[in-house]
Amino acid sequence: MTHRDLSVGYQAVQSTHAALEFVLNFPEIAQDWNQSKYLVQVTVPSKNDLEAFRDTLDFHGLKYYAFHEPDLGDELTALCIEPNPLTLKLIKKLKLL
């Protein structure tokens, strides 16, 4: 998940960075993903919305990886969230990338 003030192509790259880091940091969850193969990329309107969404994930105790782009001063640019029924509920309100 990235914010819309970056181009769609750039958002896709940032999302991929987050996904790869998630796999490296949570291999047991990544192994479970191997069963379903579901992948959804969504976007939020702004950096503030992305940060607020991260706070929501923390509140609910969901596992995620937050990617910070070094070329943008380590700004938060993407999140990769564990597969979970609550994750699906939270992202349903967001626009597909």
Protein backbone atom coordinates (compact mmCIF):
# COMPACT_ATOMS: atom_id res chain seq x y z
CA MET A 1 0.00 0.00 0.00
CA THR A 2 1.43 3.34 -0.97
CA HIS A 3 0.25 6.90 -1.20
CA ARG A 4 -1.08 8.50 -4.37
CA ASP A 5 1.29 11.45 -4.66
CA LEU A 6 3.74 8.96 -6.18
CA SER A 7 3.17 7.63 -9.71
CA VAL A 8 1.42 4.26 -10.06
CA GLY A 9 4.62 2.68 -11.37
CA TYR A 10 6.62 4.01 -8.44
CA GLN A 11 3.91 2.82 -6.03
CA ALA A 12 4.10 -0.66 -7.54
CA VAL A 13 7.87 -0.73 -7.00
CA GLN A 14 7.50 0.47 -3.40
CA SER A 15 4.84 -2.19 -2.77
CA THR A 16 7.16 -4.84 -4.17
CA HIS A 17 9.96 -3.70 -1.86
CA ALA A 18 7.59 -4.03 1.11
CA ALA A 19 6.39 -7.47 -0.01
CA LEU A 20 9.92 -8.82 -0.42
CA GLU A 21 10.94 -7.47 2.97
CA PHE A 22 7.80 -9.00 4.52
CA VAL A 23 8.78 -12.43 3.14
CA LEU A 24 12.29 -12.08 4.57
CA ASN A 25 11.05 -10.90 7.97
CA PHE A 26 8.05 -13.23 8.33
CA PRO A 27 8.97 -16.43 6.44
CA GLU A 28 6.41 -18.53 8.34
CA ILE A 29 3.58 -16.26 7.18
CA ALA A 30 5.00 -16.16 3.66
CA GLN A 31 4.93 -19.95 3.59
CA ASP A 32 1.20 -19.88 4.38
CA TRP A 33 0.70 -17.47 1.46
CA ASN A 34 2.12 -20.16 -0.78
CA GLN A 35 -1.24 -21.95 -0.42
CA SER A 36 -3.52 -19.16 -1.67
CA LYS A 37 -1.33 -16.97 -3.90
CA TYR A 38 -3.62 -13.96 -3.26
CA LEU A 39 -2.02 -10.55 -3.64
CA VAL A 40 -3.83 -7.22 -3.47
CA GLN A 41 -2.28 -3.79 -3.98
CA VAL A 42 -4.23 -0.80 -2.72
CA THR A 43 -3.45 2.87 -2.36
CA VAL A 44 -4.21 5.66 0.08
CA PRO A 45 -4.53 9.39 -0.70
CA SER A 46 -1.51 10.69 1.22
CA LYS A 47 1.52 10.01 3.37
CA ASN A 48 -0.54 10.99 6.41
CA ASP A 49 -3.17 8.41 5.48
CA LEU A 50 -0.48 5.76 5.10
CA GLU A 51 0.92 6.60 8.53
CA ALA A 52 -2.58 6.55 10.05
CA PHE A 53 -3.22 3.16 8.46
CA ARG A 54 0.02 1.86 9.99
CA ASP A 55 -1.28 3.07 13.38
CA THR A 56 -4.50 1.12 12.76
CA LEU A 57 -2.47 -2.02 12.04
CA ASP A 58 -0.55 -1.51 15.28
CA PHE A 59 -3.81 -1.03 17.19
CA HIS A 60 -5.17 -4.33 15.86
CA GLY A 61 -1.89 -6.20 16.35
CA LEU A 62 -1.53 -7.17 12.70
CA LYS A 63 1.91 -8.07 11.41
CA TYR A 64 3.26 -5.91 8.60
CA TYR A 65 6.43 -4.59 7.07
CA ALA A 66 6.78 -0.84 6.63
CA PHE A 67 9.07 0.10 3.75
CA HIS A 68 10.94 3.40 4.00
CA GLU A 69 12.46 4.67 0.73
CA PRO A 70 16.10 5.74 1.14
CA ASP A 71 15.88 7.96 -1.97
CA LEU A 72 13.08 9.94 -0.28
CA GLY A 73 14.83 10.56 3.02
CA ASP A 74 13.62 7.25 4.47
CA GLU A 75 9.99 8.31 4.04
CA LEU A 76 7.36 5.62 4.64
CA THR A 77 6.16 4.63 1.17
CA ALA A 78 4.55 1.20 1.49
CA LEU A 79 3.18 -1.43 3.84
CA CYS A 80 2.85 -5.16 3.33
CA ILE A 81 0.28 -6.68 5.69
CA GLU A 82 -0.20 -10.25 6.80
CA PRO A 83 -3.08 -12.21 5.29
CA ASN A 84 -5.85 -12.14 7.86
CA PRO A 85 -9.63 -11.70 7.73
CA LEU A 86 -9.19 -8.37 9.54
CA THR A 87 -6.68 -7.24 6.92
CA LEU A 88 -9.26 -7.86 4.22
CA LYS A 89 -11.87 -5.93 6.17
CA LEU A 90 -9.51 -2.96 6.64
CA ILE A 91 -8.36 -2.73 3.02
CA LYS A 92 -11.82 -3.14 1.45
CA LYS A 93 -12.37 0.60 1.88
CA LEU A 94 -9.24 1.48 -0.10
CA LYS A 95 -8.78 2.04 -3.82
CA LEU A 96 -7.05 -0.66 -5.86
CA LEU A 97 -3.65 0.36 -7.15
